[in-house]
Amino acid sequence: MNSTELVKSNSLAGTATLLVGHAATLVGVHAINTAGAASYLQLFDAATAGAVTVGTTVPDVVIKMASSDPVTEPMPGDGVEFHNGIVAAATTTATGNTGATVHARVMVR
């Protein structure tokens, strides 16, 4: 059995941010939306932030958060495989590029 690692990233916004730079299985997400409107945490299967163009690259996982609200989201089954790494962005729409401030904690193995 593989151990679980917690990766933290404060103040995600509309810019791609590398969270995990290697293959990993996403098993859960805890995120806090600090905006006064709904926000979306976009997660991409990519080895570098430069491999993602927020608003153009299609996210592999999108988590919606109500305004000023935390969310805890377990991944289904054995988790979601990210073959290259995990890059994140926080936006005002599910696939857009207008930034929203979100603090995220991802659990990977």
Protein backbone atom coordinates (compact mmCIF):
# COMPACT_ATOMS: atom_id res chain seq x y z
CA MET A 1 0.00 0.00 0.00
CA ASN A 2 1.34 3.43 -0.95
CA SER A 3 1.42 6.27 1.56
CA THR A 4 -0.64 9.41 1.07
CA GLU A 5 1.02 12.81 0.71
CA LEU A 6 -0.66 16.17 1.39
CA VAL A 7 0.31 18.96 -1.02
CA LYS A 8 -0.67 22.54 -0.11
CA SER A 9 -1.00 25.57 -2.34
CA ASN A 10 -2.20 28.92 -1.07
CA SER A 11 -3.64 31.65 -3.27
CA LEU A 12 -4.20 29.78 -6.51
CA ALA A 13 -5.64 32.02 -9.22
CA GLY A 14 -5.89 32.10 -13.03
CA THR A 15 -2.23 31.19 -13.52
CA ALA A 16 -1.20 27.54 -13.91
CA THR A 17 0.63 26.33 -10.78
CA LEU A 18 2.53 23.07 -10.49
CA LEU A 19 1.39 21.08 -7.44
CA VAL A 20 2.98 17.68 -8.15
CA GLY A 21 5.80 17.22 -10.69
CA HIS A 22 5.48 13.45 -11.19
CA ALA A 23 2.85 10.79 -11.81
CA ALA A 24 0.41 10.57 -8.91
CA THR A 25 -3.05 9.36 -7.97
CA LEU A 26 -5.32 12.12 -6.68
CA VAL A 27 -7.36 10.70 -3.80
CA GLY A 28 -8.91 13.85 -2.35
CA VAL A 29 -9.11 17.64 -2.40
CA HIS A 30 -9.87 20.19 0.29
CA ALA A 31 -10.21 23.73 -1.04
CA ILE A 32 -11.29 27.07 0.40
CA ASN A 33 -12.88 29.64 -1.87
CA THR A 34 -12.09 33.12 -0.53
CA ALA A 35 -13.99 34.93 -3.29
CA GLY A 36 -17.46 36.37 -2.84
CA ALA A 37 -18.68 34.40 -5.87
CA ALA A 38 -18.60 30.80 -7.07
CA SER A 39 -15.15 29.58 -8.08
CA TYR A 40 -13.73 26.54 -9.82
CA LEU A 41 -10.57 24.59 -9.07
CA GLN A 42 -9.20 23.22 -12.34
CA LEU A 43 -6.71 20.34 -12.19
CA PHE A 44 -4.64 19.30 -15.21
CA ASP A 45 -2.54 16.20 -15.98
CA ALA A 46 0.74 17.94 -16.84
CA ALA A 47 4.39 17.75 -15.71
CA THR A 48 4.97 21.53 -15.77
CA ALA A 49 2.90 24.69 -15.38
CA GLY A 50 4.15 25.75 -18.83
CA ALA A 51 2.33 22.80 -20.40
CA VAL A 52 -1.03 24.33 -19.42
CA THR A 53 -2.72 27.36 -20.95
CA VAL A 54 -5.53 28.19 -18.54
CA GLY A 55 -8.72 28.83 -20.52
CA THR A 56 -7.50 26.74 -23.47
CA THR A 57 -6.17 23.46 -22.04
CA VAL A 58 -9.07 21.23 -20.99
CA PRO A 59 -8.89 20.37 -17.27
CA ASP A 60 -8.99 16.73 -16.18
CA VAL A 61 -10.86 17.48 -12.96
CA VAL A 62 -13.01 20.53 -12.11
CA ILE A 63 -14.34 21.19 -8.62
CA LYS A 64 -17.02 23.87 -8.14
CA MET A 65 -17.14 25.87 -4.92
CA ALA A 66 -19.90 28.18 -3.70
CA SER A 67 -18.97 31.74 -2.71
CA SER A 68 -16.72 32.01 0.36
CA ASP A 69 -17.12 28.29 0.97
CA PRO A 70 -14.80 25.37 1.71
CA VAL A 71 -15.24 22.04 -0.08
CA THR A 72 -13.89 18.58 0.64
CA GLU A 73 -14.04 16.28 -2.36
CA PRO A 74 -12.97 12.63 -2.20
CA MET A 75 -12.12 11.14 -5.57
CA PRO A 76 -14.17 8.15 -6.75
CA GLY A 77 -12.91 4.58 -6.42
CA ASP A 78 -9.14 4.32 -6.13
CA GLY A 79 -8.65 7.97 -7.12
CA VAL A 80 -7.90 9.79 -10.36
CA GLU A 81 -4.63 8.95 -12.14
CA PHE A 82 -2.45 11.85 -13.25
CA HIS A 83 0.24 10.32 -15.48
CA ASN A 84 2.49 13.40 -15.77
CA GLY A 85 1.86 15.50 -12.67
CA ILE A 86 -0.79 17.85 -11.29
CA VAL A 87 -1.12 21.49 -12.32
CA ALA A 88 -3.86 23.65 -10.79
CA ALA A 89 -5.63 26.94 -11.47
CA ALA A 90 -8.59 28.67 -9.81
CA THR A 91 -11.07 30.52 -11.99
CA THR A 92 -14.53 32.08 -12.08
CA THR A 93 -15.83 29.56 -14.66
CA ALA A 94 -15.26 25.82 -15.11
CA THR A 95 -12.92 26.14 -18.10
CA GLY A 96 -12.13 29.86 -18.17
CA ASN A 97 -9.03 31.86 -17.32
CA THR A 98 -10.30 34.71 -15.11
CA GLY A 99 -8.65 34.10 -11.78
CA ALA A 100 -10.35 33.51 -8.44
CA THR A 101 -8.50 33.09 -5.14
CA VAL A 102 -8.63 29.54 -3.81
CA HIS A 103 -6.46 27.77 -1.24
CA ALA A 104 -6.11 24.06 -2.04
CA ARG A 105 -4.87 20.93 -0.31
CA VAL A 106 -4.60 17.84 -2.50
CA MET A 107 -4.04 14.34 -1.23
CA VAL A 108 -2.04 12.12 -3.56
CA ARG A 109 -0.35 8.78 -3.50
